[in-house]
Amino acid sequence: MKLPTACVVSVLLFCVAVPAVAQTAKPGARETARDRAVKRCKENRGTDCTSAAGLKEWLREERPVTVEARRAAAAARRHREQCAKTKGGSGC
C-alpha cells in the first residue's frame, strides 16, 4: 500500500516542479533571430535597424556555417598560404 502512495506523491511533486522550472528559464531564451539582429544593429549604431533590407547583414550572421562553407574557406586559406610561399607560382 505504501508503494502506490509514494508513486502518486512523486507524480504530483513532479507535476508541480516542471512548470516552476519552465517559468525560471532565461528571459532571452524566447528571443527570435530578428530581435537579436535588431539589438546588435542598434548596439553597433546601425542606420536602418527596422526594415528587412537594413537587417539583412545582421540576420546573415545568425546563420550557422555549413560544413561545405568551412571546407571552402579552408581550401581558400590553404591556397592563399601556398601562393604566399611560392610568390606568384602557378594558379596564383
PDB file of N, CA and C in Angstrom:
ATOM      1  N   MET A   1       0.819  -1.197   0.000  1.00  0.00           N
ATOM      2  CA  MET A   1       0.000   0.000   0.000  1.00  0.00           C
ATOM      3  C   MET A   1       0.861   1.260   0.000  1.00  0.00           C
ATOM      4  N   LYS A   2       2.037   1.171   0.597  1.00  0.00           N
ATOM      5  CA  LYS A   2       2.898   2.356   0.657  1.00  0.00           C
ATOM      6  C   LYS A   2       3.474   2.701  -0.715  1.00  0.00           C
ATOM      7  N   LEU A   3       3.761   1.724  -1.549  1.00  0.00           N
ATOM      8  CA  LEU A   3       4.361   1.970  -2.849  1.00  0.00           C
ATOM      9  C   LEU A   3       3.450   2.789  -3.759  1.00  0.00           C
ATOM     10  N   PRO A   4       2.163   2.461  -3.929  1.00  0.00           N
ATOM     11  CA  PRO A   4       1.306   3.294  -4.776  1.00  0.00           C
ATOM     12  C   PRO A   4       1.164   4.717  -4.241  1.00  0.00           C
ATOM     13  N   THR A   5       1.130   4.881  -2.946  1.00  0.00           N
ATOM     14  CA  THR A   5       1.018   6.215  -2.364  1.00  0.00           C
ATOM     15  C   THR A   5       2.275   7.019  -2.662  1.00  0.00           C
ATOM     16  N   ALA A   6       3.427   6.375  -2.554  1.00  0.00           N
ATOM     17  CA  ALA A   6       4.688   7.055  -2.839  1.00  0.00           C
ATOM     18  C   ALA A   6       4.757   7.452  -4.319  1.00  0.00           C
ATOM     19  N   CYS A   7       4.263   6.605  -5.187  1.00  0.00           N
ATOM     20  CA  CYS A   7       4.256   6.924  -6.625  1.00  0.00           C
ATOM     21  C   CYS A   7       3.349   8.116  -6.914  1.00  0.00           C
ATOM     22  N   VAL A   8       2.182   8.129  -6.321  1.00  0.00           N
ATOM     23  CA  VAL A   8       1.243   9.232  -6.530  1.00  0.00           C
ATOM     24  C   VAL A   8       1.847  10.543  -6.040  1.00  0.00           C
ATOM     25  N   VAL A   9       2.473  10.516  -4.876  1.00  0.00           N
ATOM     26  CA  VAL A   9       3.096  11.718  -4.323  1.00  0.00           C
ATOM     27  C   VAL A   9       4.232  12.185  -5.238  1.00  0.00           C
ATOM     28  N   SER A  10       5.025  11.252  -5.743  1.00  0.00           N
ATOM     29  CA  SER A  10       6.124  11.607  -6.644  1.00  0.00           C
ATOM     30  C   SER A  10       5.613  12.259  -7.926  1.00  0.00           C
ATOM     31  N   VAL A  11       4.565  11.698  -8.486  1.00  0.00           N
ATOM     32  CA  VAL A  11       3.987  12.254  -9.718  1.00  0.00           C
ATOM     33  C   VAL A  11       3.437  13.654  -9.466  1.00  0.00           C
ATOM     34  N   LEU A  12       2.767  13.839  -8.346  1.00  0.00           N
ATOM     35  CA  LEU A  12       2.225  15.157  -8.035  1.00  0.00           C
ATOM     36  C   LEU A  12       3.331  16.191  -7.839  1.00  0.00           C
ATOM     37  N   LEU A  13       4.392  15.807  -7.137  1.00  0.00           N
ATOM     38  CA  LEU A  13       5.516  16.733  -6.953  1.00  0.00           C
ATOM     39  C   LEU A  13       6.183  17.063  -8.287  1.00  0.00           C
ATOM     40  N   PHE A  14       6.297  16.072  -9.155  1.00  0.00           N
ATOM     41  CA  PHE A  14       6.882  16.295 -10.464  1.00  0.00           C
ATOM     42  C   PHE A  14       6.029  17.265 -11.280  1.00  0.00           C
ATOM     43  N   CYS A  15       4.718  17.094 -11.216  1.00  0.00           N
ATOM     44  CA  CYS A  15       3.812  17.975 -11.975  1.00  0.00           C
ATOM     45  C   CYS A  15       3.886  19.419 -11.485  1.00  0.00           C
ATOM     46  N   VAL A  16       4.202  19.621 -10.231  1.00  0.00           N
ATOM     47  CA  VAL A  16       4.326  20.968  -9.684  1.00  0.00           C
ATOM     48  C   VAL A  16       5.693  21.550 -10.021  1.00  0.00           C
ATOM     49  N   ALA A  17       6.728  20.728 -10.037  1.00  0.00           N
ATOM     50  CA  ALA A  17       8.092  21.203 -10.243  1.00  0.00           C
ATOM     51  C   ALA A  17       8.356  21.581 -11.701  1.00  0.00           C
ATOM     52  N   VAL A  18       7.798  20.871 -12.646  1.00  0.00           N
ATOM     53  CA  VAL A  18       8.075  21.133 -14.065  1.00  0.00           C
ATOM     54  C   VAL A  18       7.639  22.535 -14.484  1.00  0.00           C
ATOM     55  N   PRO A  19       6.424  22.994 -14.195  1.00  0.00           N
ATOM     56  CA  PRO A  19       6.063  24.361 -14.576  1.00  0.00           C
ATOM     57  C   PRO A  19       6.922  25.419 -13.877  1.00  0.00           C
ATOM     58  N   ALA A  20       7.336  25.138 -12.650  1.00  0.00           N
ATOM     59  CA  ALA A  20       8.174  26.100 -11.924  1.00  0.00           C
ATOM     60  C   ALA A  20       9.519  26.242 -12.608  1.00  0.00           C
ATOM     61  N   VAL A  21      10.087  25.165 -13.088  1.00  0.00           N
ATOM     62  CA  VAL A  21      11.365  25.216 -13.793  1.00  0.00           C
ATOM     63  C   VAL A  21      11.195  25.948 -15.118  1.00  0.00           C
ATOM     64  N   ALA A  22      10.108  25.714 -15.806  1.00  0.00           N
ATOM     65  CA  ALA A  22       9.870  26.373 -17.089  1.00  0.00           C
ATOM     66  C   ALA A  22       9.722  27.877 -16.921  1.00  0.00           C
ATOM     67  N   GLN A  23       9.170  28.326 -15.809  1.00  0.00           N
ATOM     68  CA  GLN A  23       8.992  29.756 -15.589  1.00  0.00           C
ATOM     69  C   GLN A  23      10.293  30.443 -15.233  1.00  0.00           C
ATOM     70  N   THR A  24      11.272  29.711 -14.742  1.00  0.00           N
ATOM     71  CA  THR A  24      12.544  30.321 -14.367  1.00  0.00           C
ATOM     72  C   THR A  24      13.547  30.303 -15.501  1.00  0.00           C
ATOM     73  N   ALA A  25      13.125  29.951 -16.711  1.00  0.00           N
ATOM     74  CA  ALA A  25      14.025  29.971 -17.865  1.00  0.00           C
ATOM     75  C   ALA A  25      14.479  31.392 -18.145  1.00  0.00           C
ATOM     76  N   LYS A  26      15.602  31.505 -18.808  1.00  0.00           N
ATOM     77  CA  LYS A  26      16.149  32.821 -19.112  1.00  0.00           C
ATOM     78  C   LYS A  26      15.165  33.620 -19.970  1.00  0.00           C
ATOM     79  N   PRO A  27      15.010  34.906 -19.706  1.00  0.00           N
ATOM     80  CA  PRO A  27      14.055  35.693 -20.493  1.00  0.00           C
ATOM     81  C   PRO A  27      14.467  35.821 -21.959  1.00  0.00           C
ATOM     82  N   GLY A  28      15.737  35.755 -22.274  1.00  0.00           N
ATOM     83  CA  GLY A  28      16.194  35.881 -23.654  1.00  0.00           C
ATOM     84  C   GLY A  28      16.067  34.605 -24.450  1.00  0.00           C
ATOM     85  N   ALA A  29      15.619  33.536 -23.813  1.00  0.00           N
ATOM     86  CA  ALA A  29      15.531  32.253 -24.495  1.00  0.00           C
ATOM     87  C   ALA A  29      14.496  32.275 -25.613  1.00  0.00           C
ATOM     88  N   ARG A  30      13.463  33.093 -25.466  1.00  0.00           N
ATOM     89  CA  ARG A  30      12.427  33.150 -26.490  1.00  0.00           C
ATOM     90  C   ARG A  30      12.687  34.248 -27.524  1.00  0.00           C
ATOM     91  N   GLU A  31      13.804  34.899 -27.408  1.00  0.00           N
ATOM     92  CA  GLU A  31      14.136  35.979 -28.318  1.00  0.00           C
ATOM     93  C   GLU A  31      14.391  35.404 -29.715  1.00  0.00           C
ATOM     94  N   THR A  32      13.817  35.995 -30.724  1.00  0.00           N
ATOM     95  CA  THR A  32      13.959  35.492 -32.083  1.00  0.00           C
ATOM     96  C   THR A  32      15.250  36.004 -32.708  1.00  0.00           C
ATOM     97  N   ALA A  33      15.588  35.421 -33.849  1.00  0.00           N
ATOM     98  CA  ALA A  33      16.785  35.847 -34.573  1.00  0.00           C
ATOM     99  C   ALA A  33      16.649  37.309 -34.991  1.00  0.00           C
ATOM    100  N   ARG A  34      15.447  37.708 -35.382  1.00  0.00           N
ATOM    101  CA  ARG A  34      15.234  39.092 -35.796  1.00  0.00           C
ATOM    102  C   ARG A  34      15.428  40.050 -34.615  1.00  0.00           C
ATOM    103  N   ASP A  35      14.935  39.659 -33.445  1.00  0.00           N
ATOM    104  CA  ASP A  35      15.114  40.502 -32.258  1.00  0.00           C
ATOM    105  C   ASP A  35      16.592  40.668 -31.919  1.00  0.00           C
ATOM    106  N   ARG A  36      17.344  39.564 -32.015  1.00  0.00           N
ATOM    107  CA  ARG A  36      18.784  39.649 -31.739  1.00  0.00           C
ATOM    108  C   ARG A  36      19.480  40.517 -32.778  1.00  0.00           C
ATOM    109  N   ALA A  37      19.043  40.420 -34.043  1.00  0.00           N
ATOM    110  CA  ALA A  37      19.640  41.230 -35.105  1.00  0.00           C
ATOM    111  C   ALA A  37      19.368  42.714 -34.872  1.00  0.00           C
ATOM    112  N   VAL A  38      18.148  43.047 -34.474  1.00  0.00           N
ATOM    113  CA  VAL A  38      17.807  44.451 -34.192  1.00  0.00           C
ATOM    114  C   VAL A  38      18.661  44.968 -33.037  1.00  0.00           C
ATOM    115  N   LYS A  39      18.812  44.145 -32.021  1.00  0.00           N
ATOM    116  CA  LYS A  39      19.600  44.550 -30.853  1.00  0.00           C
ATOM    117  C   LYS A  39      21.063  44.799 -31.240  1.00  0.00           C
ATOM    118  N   ARG A  40      21.657  43.879 -32.012  1.00  0.00           N
ATOM    119  CA  ARG A  40      23.054  44.059 -32.439  1.00  0.00           C
ATOM    120  C   ARG A  40      23.204  45.260 -33.356  1.00  0.00           C
ATOM    121  N   CYS A  41      22.229  45.477 -34.221  1.00  0.00           N
ATOM    122  CA  CYS A  41      22.252  46.624 -35.132  1.00  0.00           C
ATOM    123  C   CYS A  41      22.273  47.923 -34.340  1.00  0.00           C
ATOM    124  N   LYS A  42      21.409  48.023 -33.358  1.00  0.00           N
ATOM    125  CA  LYS A  42      21.348  49.243 -32.547  1.00  0.00           C
ATOM    126  C   LYS A  42      22.606  49.420 -31.710  1.00  0.00           C
ATOM    127  N   GLU A  43      23.149  48.320 -31.193  1.00  0.00           N
ATOM    128  CA  GLU A  43      24.378  48.408 -30.399  1.00  0.00           C
ATOM    129  C   GLU A  43      25.553  48.899 -31.240  1.00  0.00           C
ATOM    130  N   ASN A  44      25.538  48.550 -32.517  1.00  0.00           N
ATOM    131  CA  ASN A  44      26.617  48.960 -33.420  1.00  0.00           C
ATOM    132  C   ASN A  44      26.268  50.217 -34.199  1.00  0.00           C
ATOM    133  N   ARG A  45      25.260  50.933 -33.730  1.00  0.00           N
ATOM    134  CA  ARG A  45      24.826  52.193 -34.320  1.00  0.00           C
ATOM    135  C   ARG A  45      24.489  52.067 -35.814  1.00  0.00           C
ATOM    136  N   GLY A  46      23.741  51.004 -36.115  1.00  0.00           N
ATOM    137  CA  GLY A  46      23.286  50.829 -37.489  1.00  0.00           C
ATOM    138  C   GLY A  46      22.292  51.908 -37.866  1.00  0.00           C
ATOM    139  N   THR A  47      22.224  52.226 -39.141  1.00  0.00           N
ATOM    140  CA  THR A  47      21.346  53.305 -39.578  1.00  0.00           C
ATOM    141  C   THR A  47      19.922  52.830 -39.833  1.00  0.00           C
ATOM    142  N   ASP A  48      19.756  51.605 -40.321  1.00  0.00           N
ATOM    143  CA  ASP A  48      18.424  51.095 -40.632  1.00  0.00           C
ATOM    144  C   ASP A  48      18.217  49.774 -39.900  1.00  0.00           C
ATOM    145  N   CYS A  49      17.700  49.853 -38.700  1.00  0.00           N
ATOM    146  CA  CYS A  49      17.551  48.659 -37.868  1.00  0.00           C
ATOM    147  C   CYS A  49      16.121  48.142 -37.816  1.00  0.00           C
ATOM    148  N   THR A  50      15.249  48.632 -38.685  1.00  0.00           N
ATOM    149  CA  THR A  50      13.859  48.191 -38.641  1.00  0.00           C
ATOM    150  C   THR A  50      13.410  47.488 -39.916  1.00  0.00           C
ATOM    151  N   SER A  51      13.955  47.855 -41.055  1.00  0.00           N
ATOM    152  CA  SER A  51      13.496  47.233 -42.301  1.00  0.00           C
ATOM    153  C   SER A  51      14.237  45.930 -42.554  1.00  0.00           C
ATOM    154  N   ALA A  52      13.644  45.102 -43.395  1.00  0.00           N
ATOM    155  CA  ALA A  52      14.252  43.811 -43.726  1.00  0.00           C
ATOM    156  C   ALA A  52      15.579  44.010 -44.453  1.00  0.00           C
ATOM    157  N   ALA A  53      15.646  45.006 -45.321  1.00  0.00           N
ATOM    158  CA  ALA A  53      16.885  45.263 -46.057  1.00  0.00           C
ATOM    159  C   ALA A  53      17.997  45.723 -45.115  1.00  0.00           C
ATOM    160  N   GLY A  54      17.647  46.525 -44.135  1.00  0.00           N
ATOM    161  CA  GLY A  54      18.641  47.010 -43.190  1.00  0.00           C
ATOM    162  C   GLY A  54      19.147  45.930 -42.250  1.00  0.00           C
ATOM    163  N   LEU A  55      18.300  44.945 -41.968  1.00  0.00           N
ATOM    164  CA  LEU A  55      18.685  43.868 -41.055  1.00  0.00           C
ATOM    165  C   LEU A  55      19.296  42.667 -41.768  1.00  0.00           C
ATOM    166  N   LYS A  56      19.354  42.725 -43.096  1.00  0.00           N
ATOM    167  CA  LYS A  56      19.837  41.591 -43.876  1.00  0.00           C
ATOM    168  C   LYS A  56      21.227  41.145 -43.424  1.00  0.00           C
ATOM    169  N   GLU A  57      22.133  42.103 -43.273  1.00  0.00           N
ATOM    170  CA  GLU A  57      23.504  41.789 -42.858  1.00  0.00           C
ATOM    171  C   GLU A  57      23.531  41.142 -41.479  1.00  0.00           C
ATOM    172  N   TRP A  58      22.735  41.667 -40.566  1.00  0.00           N
ATOM    173  CA  TRP A  58      22.737  41.171 -39.200  1.00  0.00           C
ATOM    174  C   TRP A  58      22.091  39.792 -39.112  1.00  0.00           C
ATOM    175  N   LEU A  59      21.085  39.547 -39.922  1.00  0.00           N
ATOM    176  CA  LEU A  59      20.442  38.237 -39.937  1.00  0.00           C
ATOM    177  C   LEU A  59      21.349  37.185 -40.567  1.00  0.00           C
ATOM    178  N   ARG A  60      22.168  37.598 -41.514  1.00  0.00           N
ATOM    179  CA  ARG A  60      23.091  36.672 -42.160  1.00  0.00           C
ATOM    180  C   ARG A  60      24.086  36.121 -41.130  1.00  0.00           C
ATOM    181  N   GLU A  61      24.450  36.929 -40.156  1.00  0.00           N
ATOM    182  CA  GLU A  61      25.373  36.478 -39.113  1.00  0.00           C
ATOM    183  C   GLU A  61      24.750  35.421 -38.211  1.00  0.00           C
ATOM    184  N   GLU A  62      23.443  35.334 -38.197  1.00  0.00           N
ATOM    185  CA  GLU A  62      22.745  34.355 -37.367  1.00  0.00           C
ATOM    186  C   GLU A  62      22.825  32.940 -37.952  1.00  0.00           C
ATOM    187  N   ARG A  63      23.003  32.856 -39.265  1.00  0.00           N
ATOM    188  CA  ARG A  63      23.002  31.542 -39.898  1.00  0.00           C
ATOM    189  C   ARG A  63      24.266  30.770 -39.528  1.00  0.00           C
ATOM    190  N   PRO A  64      24.134  29.501 -39.195  1.00  0.00           N
ATOM    191  CA  PRO A  64      25.328  28.708 -38.888  1.00  0.00           C
ATOM    192  C   PRO A  64      26.130  28.426 -40.154  1.00  0.00           C
ATOM    193  N   VAL A  65      27.429  28.267 -39.996  1.00  0.00           N
ATOM    194  CA  VAL A  65      28.307  27.972 -41.126  1.00  0.00           C
ATOM    195  C   VAL A  65      28.199  26.483 -41.426  1.00  0.00           C
ATOM    196  N   THR A  66      27.936  26.157 -42.681  1.00  0.00           N
ATOM    197  CA  THR A  66      27.779  24.760 -43.066  1.00  0.00           C
ATOM    198  C   THR A  66      29.139  24.094 -43.221  1.00  0.00           C
ATOM    199  N   VAL A  67      29.124  22.783 -43.277  1.00  0.00           N
ATOM    200  CA  VAL A  67      30.357  22.015 -43.450  1.00  0.00           C
ATOM    201  C   VAL A  67      31.001  22.375 -44.789  1.00  0.00           C
ATOM    202  N   GLU A  68      30.185  22.534 -45.820  1.00  0.00           N
ATOM    203  CA  GLU A  68      30.712  22.866 -47.136  1.00  0.00           C
ATOM    204  C   GLU A  68      31.387  24.238 -47.128  1.00  0.00           C
ATOM    205  N   ALA A  69      30.783  25.189 -46.436  1.00  0.00           N
ATOM    206  CA  ALA A  69      31.371  26.526 -46.362  1.00  0.00           C
ATOM    207  C   ALA A  69      32.684  26.497 -45.589  1.00  0.00           C
ATOM    208  N   ARG A  70      32.757  25.682 -44.546  1.00  0.00           N
ATOM    209  CA  ARG A  70      34.019  25.554 -43.799  1.00  0.00           C
ATOM    210  C   ARG A  70      35.113  24.951 -44.667  1.00  0.00           C
ATOM    211  N   ARG A  71      34.739  23.938 -45.451  1.00  0.00           N
ATOM    212  CA  ARG A  71      35.723  23.315 -46.353  1.00  0.00           C
ATOM    213  C   ARG A  71      36.214  24.315 -47.397  1.00  0.00           C
ATOM    214  N   ALA A  72      35.298  25.072 -47.966  1.00  0.00           N
ATOM    215  CA  ALA A  72      35.687  26.064 -48.973  1.00  0.00           C
ATOM    216  C   ALA A  72      36.596  27.129 -48.370  1.00  0.00           C
ATOM    217  N   ALA A  73      36.296  27.562 -47.159  1.00  0.00           N
ATOM    218  CA  ALA A  73      37.140  28.564 -46.504  1.00  0.00           C
ATOM    219  C   ALA A  73      38.523  28.001 -46.207  1.00  0.00           C
ATOM    220  N   ALA A  74      38.592  26.756 -45.788  1.00  0.00           N
ATOM    221  CA  ALA A  74      39.885  26.130 -45.506  1.00  0.00           C
ATOM    222  C   ALA A  74      40.700  25.974 -46.786  1.00  0.00           C
ATOM    223  N   ALA A  75      40.034  25.586 -47.878  1.00  0.00           N
ATOM    224  CA  ALA A  75      40.737  25.448 -49.159  1.00  0.00           C
ATOM    225  C   ALA A  75      41.263  26.797 -49.640  1.00  0.00           C
ATOM    226  N   ALA A  76      40.461  27.848 -49.497  1.00  0.00           N
ATOM    227  CA  ALA A  76      40.902  29.182 -49.902  1.00  0.00           C
ATOM    228  C   ALA A  76      42.082  29.654 -49.051  1.00  0.00           C
ATOM    229  N   ARG A  77      42.023  29.358 -47.772  1.00  0.00           N
ATOM    230  CA  ARG A  77      43.115  29.736 -46.865  1.00  0.00           C
ATOM    231  C   ARG A  77      44.403  29.011 -47.247  1.00  0.00           C
ATOM    232  N   ARG A  78      44.304  27.698 -47.519  1.00  0.00           N
ATOM    233  CA  ARG A  78      45.493  26.933 -47.932  1.00  0.00           C
ATOM    234  C   ARG A  78      46.051  27.472 -49.243  1.00  0.00           C
ATOM    235  N   HIS A  79      45.161  27.831 -50.172  1.00  0.00           N
ATOM    236  CA  HIS A  79      45.598  28.374 -51.451  1.00  0.00           C
ATOM    237  C   HIS A  79      46.345  29.691 -51.263  1.00  0.00           C
ATOM    238  N   ARG A  80      45.816  30.569 -50.424  1.00  0.00           N
ATOM    239  CA  ARG A  80      46.491  31.851 -50.154  1.00  0.00           C
ATOM    240  C   ARG A  80      47.857  31.627 -49.520  1.00  0.00           C
ATOM    241  N   GLU A  81      47.934  30.695 -48.576  1.00  0.00           N
ATOM    242  CA  GLU A  81      49.209  30.400 -47.926  1.00  0.00           C
ATOM    243  C   GLU A  81      50.215  29.830 -48.908  1.00  0.00           C
ATOM    244  N   GLN A  82      49.754  28.962 -49.800  1.00  0.00           N
ATOM    245  CA  GLN A  82      50.634  28.378 -50.802  1.00  0.00           C
ATOM    246  C   GLN A  82      51.120  29.442 -51.772  1.00  0.00           C
ATOM    247  N   CYS A  83      50.234  30.358 -52.175  1.00  0.00           N
ATOM    248  CA  CYS A  83      50.626  31.442 -53.086  1.00  0.00           C
ATOM    249  C   CYS A  83      51.635  32.380 -52.409  1.00  0.00           C
ATOM    250  N   ALA A  84      51.467  32.607 -51.126  1.00  0.00           N
ATOM    251  CA  ALA A  84      52.400  33.467 -50.399  1.00  0.00           C
ATOM    252  C   ALA A  84      53.774  32.819 -50.317  1.00  0.00           C
ATOM    253  N   LYS A  85      53.821  31.499 -50.201  1.00  0.00           N
ATOM    254  CA  LYS A  85      55.113  30.804 -50.123  1.00  0.00           C
ATOM    255  C   LYS A  85      55.827  30.796 -51.478  1.00  0.00           C
ATOM    256  N   THR A  86      55.057  30.594 -52.550  1.00  0.00           N
ATOM    257  CA  THR A  86      55.685  30.450 -53.874  1.00  0.00           C
ATOM    258  C   THR A  86      55.857  31.784 -54.577  1.00  0.00           C
ATOM    259  N   LYS A  87      55.296  32.839 -54.060  1.00  0.00           N
ATOM    260  CA  LYS A  87      55.430  34.189 -54.638  1.00  0.00           C
ATOM    261  C   LYS A  87      55.047  34.219 -56.118  1.00  0.00           C
ATOM    262  N   GLY A  88      53.779  33.954 -56.392  1.00  0.00           N
ATOM    263  CA  GLY A  88      53.281  34.071 -57.756  1.00  0.00           C
ATOM    264  C   GLY A  88      53.479  32.852 -58.599  1.00  0.00           C
ATOM    265  N   GLY A  89      53.443  31.697 -58.000  1.00  0.00           N
ATOM    266  CA  GLY A  89      53.577  30.457 -58.741  1.00  0.00           C
ATOM    267  C   GLY A  89      52.340  30.198 -59.603  1.00  0.00           C
ATOM    268  N   SER A  90      52.226  29.015 -60.117  1.00  0.00           N
ATOM    269  CA  SER A  90      51.101  28.700 -60.991  1.00  0.00           C
ATOM    270  C   SER A  90      49.789  28.723 -60.206  1.00  0.00           C
ATOM    271  N   GLY A  91      48.771  29.319 -60.796  1.00  0.00           N
ATOM    272  CA  GLY A  91      47.455  29.358 -60.190  1.00  0.00           C
ATOM    273  C   GLY A  91      47.243  30.455 -59.165  1.00  0.00           C
ATOM    274  N   CYS A  92      48.217  31.360 -59.041  1.00  0.00           N
ATOM    275  CA  CYS A  92      48.069  32.431 -58.052  1.00  0.00           C
ATOM    276  C   CYS A  92      47.748  33.755 -58.685  1.00  0.00           C
TER     277      CYS A  92
END
